[in-house]
Amino acid sequence: MIEKKANDCERLLEIDNLHGADCGSAPSLDAAGKYVGYFENGLGEQWVFVGDRKSGEAVICGGDANWKQYKVSIQRPCPVGLSLQEAEQIWIINCFASMCNKPYAEVYAAYKV
């Protein structure tokens, strides 16, 4: 479970793991004070992005990747060892642009390196 808790706040969003047991257990990440992004495509494939605004570093994990955590950063947003669909790539770029308050084109240029 990914938890992002603040004092005395009500729950905003709760999402079920749509992947079967063969994909492994969903990750357990503390996202307090971090940027959180969620992506689900039309096939129900889910991805989670948890990043630190100060360091520009993040992890992404997805059910189709057995919920393995991949380290990424604003300098290297392309996760090593993953083959991602275009929509997933755009989502990662948007997460970094939003998290770091950077122009989309700047993050996109780093992604394509």
N, C-alpha and C. Protein backbone atom coordinates (compact mmCIF):
# COMPACT_ATOMS: atom_id res chain seq x y z
N MET A 1 0.83 -1.17 0.00
CA MET A 1 0.00 0.00 0.00
C MET A 1 0.88 1.24 0.00
N ILE A 2 0.44 2.24 -0.70
CA ILE A 2 1.14 3.51 -0.74
C ILE A 2 0.34 4.49 0.10
N GLU A 3 0.97 4.99 1.14
CA GLU A 3 0.27 5.88 2.04
C GLU A 3 0.89 7.27 2.03
N LYS A 4 0.02 8.23 1.91
CA LYS A 4 0.42 9.63 1.99
C LYS A 4 -0.53 10.27 2.98
N LYS A 5 -0.07 10.38 4.21
CA LYS A 5 -0.94 10.86 5.28
C LYS A 5 -0.48 12.22 5.78
N ALA A 6 -1.47 13.01 6.14
CA ALA A 6 -1.22 14.29 6.79
C ALA A 6 -2.10 14.32 8.03
N ASN A 7 -1.75 15.14 8.96
CA ASN A 7 -2.50 15.21 10.21
C ASN A 7 -3.93 15.67 9.98
N ASP A 8 -4.87 14.99 10.60
CA ASP A 8 -6.27 15.39 10.63
C ASP A 8 -6.89 15.64 9.25
N CYS A 9 -6.54 14.83 8.27
CA CYS A 9 -7.11 14.98 6.94
C CYS A 9 -7.95 13.76 6.60
N GLU A 10 -8.98 13.97 5.80
CA GLU A 10 -9.79 12.84 5.37
C GLU A 10 -9.15 12.19 4.14
N ARG A 11 -9.48 10.93 3.91
CA ARG A 11 -8.95 10.16 2.79
C ARG A 11 -9.51 10.74 1.49
N LEU A 12 -8.65 10.97 0.52
CA LEU A 12 -9.04 11.55 -0.76
C LEU A 12 -9.24 10.48 -1.83
N LEU A 13 -8.36 9.48 -1.85
CA LEU A 13 -8.35 8.52 -2.94
C LEU A 13 -7.94 7.15 -2.42
N GLU A 14 -8.64 6.12 -2.85
CA GLU A 14 -8.28 4.75 -2.50
C GLU A 14 -8.48 3.91 -3.75
N ILE A 15 -7.44 3.18 -4.17
CA ILE A 15 -7.46 2.43 -5.42
C ILE A 15 -7.09 0.98 -5.16
N ASP A 16 -7.86 0.06 -5.70
CA ASP A 16 -7.56 -1.37 -5.56
C ASP A 16 -6.50 -1.81 -6.55
N ASN A 17 -5.73 -2.81 -6.17
CA ASN A 17 -4.76 -3.45 -7.05
C ASN A 17 -5.54 -4.34 -8.01
N LEU A 18 -5.51 -4.02 -9.29
CA LEU A 18 -6.25 -4.78 -10.30
C LEU A 18 -5.48 -5.97 -10.84
N HIS A 19 -4.23 -6.13 -10.41
CA HIS A 19 -3.38 -7.20 -10.92
C HIS A 19 -3.54 -8.46 -10.06
N GLY A 20 -3.40 -9.61 -10.71
CA GLY A 20 -3.52 -10.88 -10.02
C GLY A 20 -2.30 -11.21 -9.18
N ALA A 21 -2.42 -12.26 -8.41
CA ALA A 21 -1.34 -12.69 -7.52
C ALA A 21 -0.06 -13.02 -8.29
N ASP A 22 -0.19 -13.44 -9.56
CA ASP A 22 0.99 -13.77 -10.36
C ASP A 22 1.87 -12.56 -10.63
N CYS A 23 1.36 -11.35 -10.40
CA CYS A 23 2.14 -10.12 -10.58
C CYS A 23 2.85 -9.70 -9.30
N GLY A 24 2.67 -10.46 -8.24
CA GLY A 24 3.30 -10.12 -6.98
C GLY A 24 2.43 -9.19 -6.16
N SER A 25 2.93 -8.87 -5.00
CA SER A 25 2.20 -7.98 -4.09
C SER A 25 2.46 -6.54 -4.46
N ALA A 26 1.44 -5.72 -4.30
CA ALA A 26 1.60 -4.28 -4.53
C ALA A 26 2.63 -3.73 -3.55
N PRO A 27 3.34 -2.69 -3.95
CA PRO A 27 4.41 -2.17 -3.09
C PRO A 27 3.87 -1.51 -1.83
N SER A 28 4.72 -1.43 -0.84
CA SER A 28 4.42 -0.70 0.38
C SER A 28 5.39 0.48 0.43
N LEU A 29 4.88 1.66 0.20
CA LEU A 29 5.72 2.86 0.14
C LEU A 29 5.13 3.95 1.02
N ASP A 30 5.99 4.64 1.76
CA ASP A 30 5.56 5.79 2.54
C ASP A 30 5.73 7.01 1.65
N ALA A 31 4.63 7.63 1.29
CA ALA A 31 4.67 8.78 0.39
C ALA A 31 4.44 10.09 1.11
N ALA A 32 4.54 10.08 2.44
CA ALA A 32 4.34 11.31 3.21
C ALA A 32 5.33 12.38 2.74
N GLY A 33 4.82 13.54 2.41
CA GLY A 33 5.66 14.65 1.98
C GLY A 33 6.20 14.51 0.57
N LYS A 34 5.71 13.52 -0.18
CA LYS A 34 6.22 13.28 -1.54
C LYS A 34 5.12 13.47 -2.58
N TYR A 35 5.54 13.62 -3.82
CA TYR A 35 4.62 13.73 -4.94
C TYR A 35 4.20 12.31 -5.33
N VAL A 36 2.90 12.10 -5.55
CA VAL A 36 2.39 10.80 -5.93
C VAL A 36 1.61 10.94 -7.23
N GLY A 37 1.93 10.07 -8.18
CA GLY A 37 1.20 10.00 -9.43
C GLY A 37 0.70 8.59 -9.65
N TYR A 38 -0.48 8.48 -10.25
CA TYR A 38 -1.08 7.18 -10.53
C TYR A 38 -1.49 7.14 -12.00
N PHE A 39 -1.28 5.98 -12.64
CA PHE A 39 -1.64 5.81 -14.03
C PHE A 39 -2.31 4.45 -14.21
N GLU A 40 -3.37 4.44 -14.98
CA GLU A 40 -4.03 3.19 -15.34
C GLU A 40 -4.45 3.30 -16.80
N ASN A 41 -4.01 2.35 -17.62
CA ASN A 41 -4.38 2.41 -19.03
C ASN A 41 -5.71 1.68 -19.26
N GLY A 42 -6.14 1.63 -20.50
CA GLY A 42 -7.41 1.03 -20.84
C GLY A 42 -7.50 -0.46 -20.58
N LEU A 43 -6.37 -1.11 -20.38
CA LEU A 43 -6.35 -2.54 -20.08
C LEU A 43 -6.31 -2.81 -18.58
N GLY A 44 -6.31 -1.75 -17.79
CA GLY A 44 -6.26 -1.90 -16.34
C GLY A 44 -4.86 -2.05 -15.79
N GLU A 45 -3.84 -1.84 -16.61
CA GLU A 45 -2.45 -1.90 -16.13
C GLU A 45 -2.18 -0.65 -15.30
N GLN A 46 -1.68 -0.86 -14.10
CA GLN A 46 -1.50 0.22 -13.15
C GLN A 46 -0.03 0.54 -12.91
N TRP A 47 0.25 1.83 -12.71
CA TRP A 47 1.59 2.30 -12.38
C TRP A 47 1.47 3.35 -11.27
N VAL A 48 2.48 3.40 -10.43
CA VAL A 48 2.55 4.39 -9.36
C VAL A 48 3.91 5.07 -9.43
N PHE A 49 3.91 6.38 -9.21
CA PHE A 49 5.10 7.22 -9.20
C PHE A 49 5.14 7.89 -7.83
N VAL A 50 6.25 7.75 -7.11
CA VAL A 50 6.42 8.42 -5.82
C VAL A 50 7.77 9.14 -5.87
N GLY A 51 7.71 10.47 -5.79
CA GLY A 51 8.93 11.24 -5.95
C GLY A 51 9.15 12.31 -4.91
N ASP A 52 10.40 12.70 -4.78
CA ASP A 52 10.83 13.72 -3.84
C ASP A 52 11.09 15.02 -4.62
N ARG A 53 10.33 16.05 -4.30
CA ARG A 53 10.45 17.33 -5.01
C ARG A 53 11.84 17.95 -4.85
N LYS A 54 12.43 17.82 -3.67
CA LYS A 54 13.73 18.46 -3.40
C LYS A 54 14.86 17.80 -4.18
N SER A 55 14.90 16.47 -4.18
CA SER A 55 16.00 15.76 -4.84
C SER A 55 15.76 15.53 -6.33
N GLY A 56 14.49 15.57 -6.75
CA GLY A 56 14.17 15.27 -8.15
C GLY A 56 14.28 13.78 -8.46
N GLU A 57 14.27 12.95 -7.41
CA GLU A 57 14.35 11.50 -7.58
C GLU A 57 13.00 10.86 -7.27
N ALA A 58 12.76 9.70 -7.88
CA ALA A 58 11.48 9.02 -7.69
C ALA A 58 11.65 7.53 -7.92
N VAL A 59 10.62 6.79 -7.57
CA VAL A 59 10.51 5.39 -7.95
C VAL A 59 9.19 5.23 -8.68
N ILE A 60 9.20 4.35 -9.67
CA ILE A 60 7.96 3.95 -10.33
C ILE A 60 7.84 2.44 -10.18
N CYS A 61 6.63 1.98 -10.10
CA CYS A 61 6.39 0.54 -10.04
C CYS A 61 5.03 0.26 -10.66
N GLY A 62 4.97 -0.88 -11.33
CA GLY A 62 3.74 -1.25 -12.02
C GLY A 62 3.44 -2.72 -11.88
N GLY A 63 2.17 -3.04 -11.93
CA GLY A 63 1.73 -4.43 -11.79
C GLY A 63 2.29 -5.34 -12.86
N ASP A 64 2.36 -4.86 -14.10
CA ASP A 64 2.90 -5.70 -15.18
C ASP A 64 4.40 -5.93 -15.04
N ALA A 65 5.05 -5.12 -14.21
CA ALA A 65 6.48 -5.28 -13.93
C ALA A 65 6.65 -5.93 -12.55
N ASN A 66 5.63 -6.70 -12.13
CA ASN A 66 5.65 -7.40 -10.85
C ASN A 66 5.88 -6.47 -9.66
N TRP A 67 5.44 -5.23 -9.80
CA TRP A 67 5.54 -4.20 -8.77
C TRP A 67 6.97 -3.91 -8.33
N LYS A 68 7.94 -4.29 -9.17
CA LYS A 68 9.34 -3.97 -8.88
C LYS A 68 9.50 -2.45 -8.91
N GLN A 69 10.33 -1.93 -8.02
CA GLN A 69 10.59 -0.49 -7.97
C GLN A 69 11.76 -0.13 -8.87
N TYR A 70 11.54 0.84 -9.74
CA TYR A 70 12.57 1.35 -10.64
C TYR A 70 12.90 2.77 -10.24
N LYS A 71 14.17 3.03 -9.97
CA LYS A 71 14.60 4.37 -9.61
C LYS A 71 14.75 5.22 -10.87
N VAL A 72 14.20 6.41 -10.81
CA VAL A 72 14.29 7.38 -11.90
C VAL A 72 14.57 8.74 -11.29
N SER A 73 14.98 9.70 -12.11
CA SER A 73 15.24 11.04 -11.62
C SER A 73 14.93 12.04 -12.72
N ILE A 74 14.85 13.31 -12.34
CA ILE A 74 14.59 14.36 -13.32
C ILE A 74 15.70 14.39 -14.37
N GLN A 75 16.93 14.00 -13.99
CA GLN A 75 18.04 13.94 -14.94
C GLN A 75 17.97 12.69 -15.82
N ARG A 76 17.42 11.59 -15.28
CA ARG A 76 17.32 10.33 -16.01
C ARG A 76 15.94 9.72 -15.79
N PRO A 77 14.92 10.31 -16.44
CA PRO A 77 13.55 9.84 -16.22
C PRO A 77 13.20 8.54 -16.94
N CYS A 78 14.08 8.06 -17.79
CA CYS A 78 13.81 6.82 -18.52
C CYS A 78 14.23 5.64 -17.65
N PRO A 79 13.28 4.82 -17.20
CA PRO A 79 13.65 3.69 -16.34
C PRO A 79 14.42 2.61 -17.10
N VAL A 80 15.55 2.22 -16.56
CA VAL A 80 16.39 1.20 -17.17
C VAL A 80 15.72 -0.16 -17.04
N GLY A 81 15.65 -0.89 -18.15
CA GLY A 81 15.13 -2.25 -18.11
C GLY A 81 13.65 -2.38 -18.35
N LEU A 82 12.98 -1.28 -18.67
CA LEU A 82 11.54 -1.33 -18.94
C LEU A 82 11.24 -0.92 -20.37
N SER A 83 10.31 -1.62 -20.98
CA SER A 83 9.79 -1.22 -22.28
C SER A 83 8.39 -0.69 -22.04
N LEU A 84 8.22 0.62 -22.20
CA LEU A 84 6.97 1.26 -21.87
C LEU A 84 6.22 1.73 -23.11
N GLN A 85 4.90 1.69 -23.03
CA GLN A 85 4.07 2.23 -24.09
C GLN A 85 4.17 3.75 -24.07
N GLU A 86 3.80 4.38 -25.18
CA GLU A 86 3.91 5.84 -25.27
C GLU A 86 3.11 6.55 -24.17
N ALA A 87 1.90 6.07 -23.88
CA ALA A 87 1.10 6.71 -22.84
C ALA A 87 1.79 6.63 -21.48
N GLU A 88 2.47 5.53 -21.17
CA GLU A 88 3.19 5.39 -19.91
C GLU A 88 4.38 6.35 -19.87
N GLN A 89 5.08 6.49 -20.99
CA GLN A 89 6.19 7.41 -21.07
C GLN A 89 5.73 8.85 -20.83
N ILE A 90 4.64 9.23 -21.48
CA ILE A 90 4.11 10.58 -21.32
C ILE A 90 3.71 10.83 -19.87
N TRP A 91 3.13 9.83 -19.23
CA TRP A 91 2.74 9.96 -17.83
C TRP A 91 3.96 10.23 -16.95
N ILE A 92 5.06 9.48 -17.14
CA ILE A 92 6.27 9.69 -16.34
C ILE A 92 6.81 11.11 -16.55
N ILE A 93 6.86 11.53 -17.79
CA ILE A 93 7.33 12.88 -18.10
C ILE A 93 6.46 13.92 -17.42
N ASN A 94 5.14 13.73 -17.48
CA ASN A 94 4.23 14.67 -16.82
C ASN A 94 4.40 14.67 -15.30
N CYS A 95 4.64 13.50 -14.71
CA CYS A 95 4.88 13.44 -13.26
C CYS A 95 6.08 14.28 -12.89
N PHE A 96 7.19 14.12 -13.61
CA PHE A 96 8.39 14.90 -13.30
C PHE A 96 8.17 16.39 -13.56
N ALA A 97 7.52 16.73 -14.65
CA ALA A 97 7.26 18.14 -14.95
C ALA A 97 6.43 18.77 -13.84
N SER A 98 5.42 18.07 -13.39
CA SER A 98 4.57 18.59 -12.30
C SER A 98 5.32 18.64 -10.98
N MET A 99 6.00 17.54 -10.64
CA MET A 99 6.69 17.45 -9.36
C MET A 99 7.78 18.51 -9.24
N CYS A 100 8.53 18.73 -10.29
CA CYS A 100 9.69 19.63 -10.25
C CYS A 100 9.40 21.02 -10.82
N ASN A 101 8.13 21.24 -11.21
CA ASN A 101 7.74 22.52 -11.80
C ASN A 101 8.65 22.90 -12.97
N LYS A 102 8.84 21.93 -13.87
CA LYS A 102 9.68 22.11 -15.06
C LYS A 102 8.80 22.05 -16.31
N PRO A 103 9.24 22.70 -17.39
CA PRO A 103 8.48 22.59 -18.63
C PRO A 103 8.51 21.15 -19.16
N TYR A 104 7.38 20.73 -19.72
CA TYR A 104 7.27 19.39 -20.29
C TYR A 104 8.40 19.12 -21.27
N ALA A 105 8.69 20.06 -22.16
CA ALA A 105 9.72 19.87 -23.20
C ALA A 105 11.09 19.60 -22.59
N GLU A 106 11.39 20.22 -21.46
CA GLU A 106 12.69 20.01 -20.81
C GLU A 106 12.81 18.58 -20.28
N VAL A 107 11.77 18.09 -19.66
CA VAL A 107 11.80 16.73 -19.13
C VAL A 107 11.77 15.72 -20.28
N TYR A 108 10.99 16.00 -21.30
CA TYR A 108 10.91 15.14 -22.47
C TYR A 108 12.29 15.00 -23.12
N ALA A 109 13.04 16.07 -23.21
CA ALA A 109 14.39 16.02 -23.81
C ALA A 109 15.29 15.09 -23.01
N ALA A 110 15.20 15.10 -21.70
CA ALA A 110 16.00 14.21 -20.86
C ALA A 110 15.55 12.76 -21.01
N TYR A 111 14.24 12.56 -21.20
CA TYR A 111 13.71 11.20 -21.34
C TYR A 111 14.25 10.54 -22.60
N LYS A 112 14.40 11.30 -23.65
CA LYS A 112 14.82 10.73 -24.94
C LYS A 112 16.33 10.50 -25.05
N VAL A 113 17.10 10.89 -24.02
CA VAL A 113 18.55 10.67 -24.04
C VAL A 113 18.85 9.21 -23.88
